[in-house]
Amino acid sequence: MKYTFEILGVSPVLYFFNHQQEIIQKDPSIGVEYLGTPKCTLDAFLESVEVVPPKRGWDLEEVLNTVVDFWVNNSENIQYWNKRLKDAGRENLLVARVADFNSLKAEFESLFGEI
């Protein structure tokens, strides 16, 4: 299975928490996870990935490798989001998405279906 990881932006902690609750209520089995961390570090995101529920059936080693590959190949993007997180202040999280490609495709298609 192939995975994708992308930093999406900065969010207030409460907004991120509410969004997570909405996702769980809507479809807890979807293979897309949104991760939030108060630090823009590789270690922080790796720790966030490690707590993803194992029911996803993901290959954890491959997911972690995907995050590391992103980190190695996107230094400008990471620097940008690190600065945005610092500018936003302590009550915010850096938000990223990790997903298997099939689940991400299904999520995008469902968004187009809701329009």
C-alpha atoms as a PDB file:
ATOM      1  CA  MET A   1       0.000   0.000   0.000  1.00  0.00           C
ATOM      2  CA  LYS A   2       1.271   3.494  -0.832  1.00  0.00           C
ATOM      3  CA  TYR A   3       0.920   6.412   1.555  1.00  0.00           C
ATOM      4  CA  THR A   4       1.048  10.171   1.389  1.00  0.00           C
ATOM      5  CA  PHE A   5       1.989  12.782   3.992  1.00  0.00           C
ATOM      6  CA  GLU A   6       1.456  16.511   3.656  1.00  0.00           C
ATOM      7  CA  ILE A   7       1.542  19.485   6.020  1.00  0.00           C
ATOM      8  CA  LEU A   8      -1.775  21.299   5.647  1.00  0.00           C
ATOM      9  CA  GLY A   9      -1.475  24.341   7.854  1.00  0.00           C
ATOM     10  CA  VAL A  10      -1.828  25.827  11.300  1.00  0.00           C
ATOM     11  CA  SER A  11      -4.992  25.488  13.355  1.00  0.00           C
ATOM     12  CA  PRO A  12      -6.204  26.576  16.781  1.00  0.00           C
ATOM     13  CA  VAL A  13      -6.182  23.603  19.161  1.00  0.00           C
ATOM     14  CA  LEU A  14      -9.960  23.670  19.774  1.00  0.00           C
ATOM     15  CA  TYR A  15     -10.789  23.825  16.077  1.00  0.00           C
ATOM     16  CA  PHE A  16      -8.516  20.852  15.390  1.00  0.00           C
ATOM     17  CA  PHE A  17     -10.090  18.882  18.249  1.00  0.00           C
ATOM     18  CA  ASN A  18     -13.613  19.630  16.992  1.00  0.00           C
ATOM     19  CA  HIS A  19     -12.650  18.614  13.458  1.00  0.00           C
ATOM     20  CA  GLN A  20     -11.271  15.306  14.748  1.00  0.00           C
ATOM     21  CA  GLN A  21     -14.531  14.636  16.591  1.00  0.00           C
ATOM     22  CA  GLU A  22     -16.565  15.357  13.452  1.00  0.00           C
ATOM     23  CA  ILE A  23     -14.450  12.913  11.446  1.00  0.00           C
ATOM     24  CA  ILE A  24     -14.891  10.182  14.056  1.00  0.00           C
ATOM     25  CA  GLN A  25     -18.661  10.673  14.080  1.00  0.00           C
ATOM     26  CA  LYS A  26     -18.903  10.828  10.293  1.00  0.00           C
ATOM     27  CA  ASP A  27     -16.794   7.790   9.351  1.00  0.00           C
ATOM     28  CA  PRO A  28     -14.295   6.428  11.864  1.00  0.00           C
ATOM     29  CA  SER A  29     -13.044   3.776   9.427  1.00  0.00           C
ATOM     30  CA  ILE A  30     -11.760   6.103   6.718  1.00  0.00           C
ATOM     31  CA  GLY A  31      -8.049   5.608   6.012  1.00  0.00           C
ATOM     32  CA  VAL A  32      -7.101   9.268   6.374  1.00  0.00           C
ATOM     33  CA  GLU A  33      -5.626  10.652   9.574  1.00  0.00           C
ATOM     34  CA  TYR A  34      -5.149  14.293  10.480  1.00  0.00           C
ATOM     35  CA  LEU A  35      -2.254  14.866  12.849  1.00  0.00           C
ATOM     36  CA  GLY A  36      -1.675  17.890  15.035  1.00  0.00           C
ATOM     37  CA  THR A  37       1.476  18.816  16.885  1.00  0.00           C
ATOM     38  CA  PRO A  38       2.601  21.965  18.717  1.00  0.00           C
ATOM     39  CA  LYS A  39       6.131  21.547  17.300  1.00  0.00           C
ATOM     40  CA  CYS A  40       7.354  21.492  13.720  1.00  0.00           C
ATOM     41  CA  THR A  41       9.761  18.598  14.095  1.00  0.00           C
ATOM     42  CA  LEU A  42      10.136  15.239  12.434  1.00  0.00           C
ATOM     43  CA  ASP A  43      10.072  13.523  15.823  1.00  0.00           C
ATOM     44  CA  ALA A  44       6.765  15.167  16.741  1.00  0.00           C
ATOM     45  CA  PHE A  45       5.080  13.899  13.578  1.00  0.00           C
ATOM     46  CA  LEU A  46       6.597  10.442  13.883  1.00  0.00           C
ATOM     47  CA  GLU A  47       5.189  10.219  17.417  1.00  0.00           C
ATOM     48  CA  SER A  48       1.778  11.346  16.111  1.00  0.00           C
ATOM     49  CA  VAL A  49       1.800   8.655  13.431  1.00  0.00           C
ATOM     50  CA  GLU A  50       2.716   5.961  15.933  1.00  0.00           C
ATOM     51  CA  VAL A  51      -0.586   6.472  17.800  1.00  0.00           C
ATOM     52  CA  VAL A  52      -2.755   6.025  14.695  1.00  0.00           C
ATOM     53  CA  PRO A  53      -5.170   3.183  15.460  1.00  0.00           C
ATOM     54  CA  PRO A  54      -3.837  -0.152  14.186  1.00  0.00           C
ATOM     55  CA  LYS A  55      -7.294  -1.027  12.826  1.00  0.00           C
ATOM     56  CA  ARG A  56      -6.390   0.919   9.697  1.00  0.00           C
ATOM     57  CA  GLY A  57      -4.329  -2.052   8.556  1.00  0.00           C
ATOM     58  CA  TRP A  58      -1.503   0.281   7.647  1.00  0.00           C
ATOM     59  CA  ASP A  59       2.099  -0.840   7.386  1.00  0.00           C
ATOM     60  CA  LEU A  60       3.424   1.414  10.161  1.00  0.00           C
ATOM     61  CA  GLU A  61       7.021   1.116   8.960  1.00  0.00           C
ATOM     62  CA  GLU A  62       6.043   2.299   5.482  1.00  0.00           C
ATOM     63  CA  VAL A  63       3.943   5.165   6.865  1.00  0.00           C
ATOM     64  CA  LEU A  64       6.892   6.311   8.996  1.00  0.00           C
ATOM     65  CA  ASN A  65       9.167   6.089   5.940  1.00  0.00           C
ATOM     66  CA  THR A  66       6.705   8.252   4.004  1.00  0.00           C
ATOM     67  CA  VAL A  67       6.865  10.932   6.703  1.00  0.00           C
ATOM     68  CA  VAL A  68      10.685  10.787   6.772  1.00  0.00           C
ATOM     69  CA  ASP A  69      10.838  11.010   2.958  1.00  0.00           C
ATOM     70  CA  PHE A  70       8.598  14.076   3.047  1.00  0.00           C
ATOM     71  CA  TRP A  71      10.823  15.651   5.688  1.00  0.00           C
ATOM     72  CA  VAL A  72      14.018  14.988   3.717  1.00  0.00           C
ATOM     73  CA  ASN A  73      12.632  16.280   0.412  1.00  0.00           C
ATOM     74  CA  ASN A  74      10.652  19.367   1.490  1.00  0.00           C
ATOM     75  CA  SER A  75      12.915  21.545   3.611  1.00  0.00           C
ATOM     76  CA  GLU A  76      11.559  24.847   2.232  1.00  0.00           C
ATOM     77  CA  ASN A  77       7.975  23.769   2.887  1.00  0.00           C
ATOM     78  CA  ILE A  78       8.890  22.715   6.428  1.00  0.00           C
ATOM     79  CA  GLN A  79      10.685  25.995   7.121  1.00  0.00           C
ATOM     80  CA  TYR A  80       7.659  27.904   5.868  1.00  0.00           C
ATOM     81  CA  TRP A  81       5.238  26.035   8.146  1.00  0.00           C
ATOM     82  CA  ASN A  82       7.615  26.254  11.098  1.00  0.00           C
ATOM     83  CA  LYS A  83       7.588  30.035  10.753  1.00  0.00           C
ATOM     84  CA  ARG A  84       3.770  30.132  10.382  1.00  0.00           C
ATOM     85  CA  LEU A  85       3.395  28.010  13.525  1.00  0.00           C
ATOM     86  CA  LYS A  86       5.679  30.316  15.507  1.00  0.00           C
ATOM     87  CA  ASP A  87       3.809  33.374  14.206  1.00  0.00           C
ATOM     88  CA  ALA A  88       0.460  31.855  15.218  1.00  0.00           C
ATOM     89  CA  GLY A  89       1.373  31.445  18.876  1.00  0.00           C
ATOM     90  CA  ARG A  90       1.143  28.765  21.525  1.00  0.00           C
ATOM     91  CA  GLU A  91      -2.568  27.980  21.224  1.00  0.00           C
ATOM     92  CA  ASN A  92      -2.110  26.492  17.750  1.00  0.00           C
ATOM     93  CA  LEU A  93      -1.041  23.226  16.188  1.00  0.00           C
ATOM     94  CA  LEU A  94       0.683  22.350  12.973  1.00  0.00           C
ATOM     95  CA  VAL A  95      -1.703  20.057  11.092  1.00  0.00           C
ATOM     96  CA  ALA A  96      -0.732  17.343   8.643  1.00  0.00           C
ATOM     97  CA  ARG A  97      -2.514  14.562   6.827  1.00  0.00           C
ATOM     98  CA  VAL A  98      -1.335  11.006   6.373  1.00  0.00           C
ATOM     99  CA  ALA A  99      -3.345   8.606   4.267  1.00  0.00           C
ATOM    100  CA  ASP A 100      -3.226   5.667   1.971  1.00  0.00           C
ATOM    101  CA  PHE A 101      -3.820   6.782  -1.622  1.00  0.00           C
ATOM    102  CA  ASN A 102      -7.094   4.879  -2.070  1.00  0.00           C
ATOM    103  CA  SER A 103      -8.667   6.396   1.045  1.00  0.00           C
ATOM    104  CA  LEU A 104      -7.497   9.896   0.130  1.00  0.00           C
ATOM    105  CA  LYS A 105      -8.991   9.499  -3.335  1.00  0.00           C
ATOM    106  CA  ALA A 106     -12.282   8.343  -1.795  1.00  0.00           C
ATOM    107  CA  GLU A 107     -12.299  11.330   0.583  1.00  0.00           C
ATOM    108  CA  PHE A 108     -11.759  13.785  -2.282  1.00  0.00           C
ATOM    109  CA  GLU A 109     -14.497  12.112  -4.333  1.00  0.00           C
ATOM    110  CA  SER A 110     -16.896  12.360  -1.390  1.00  0.00           C
ATOM    111  CA  LEU A 111     -16.139  16.086  -1.138  1.00  0.00           C
ATOM    112  CA  PHE A 112     -17.038  16.572  -4.785  1.00  0.00           C
ATOM    113  CA  GLY A 113     -20.226  14.576  -4.230  1.00  0.00           C
ATOM    114  CA  GLU A 114     -21.300  16.959  -1.443  1.00  0.00           C
ATOM    115  CA  ILE A 115     -21.096  20.049  -3.654  1.00  0.00           C
END
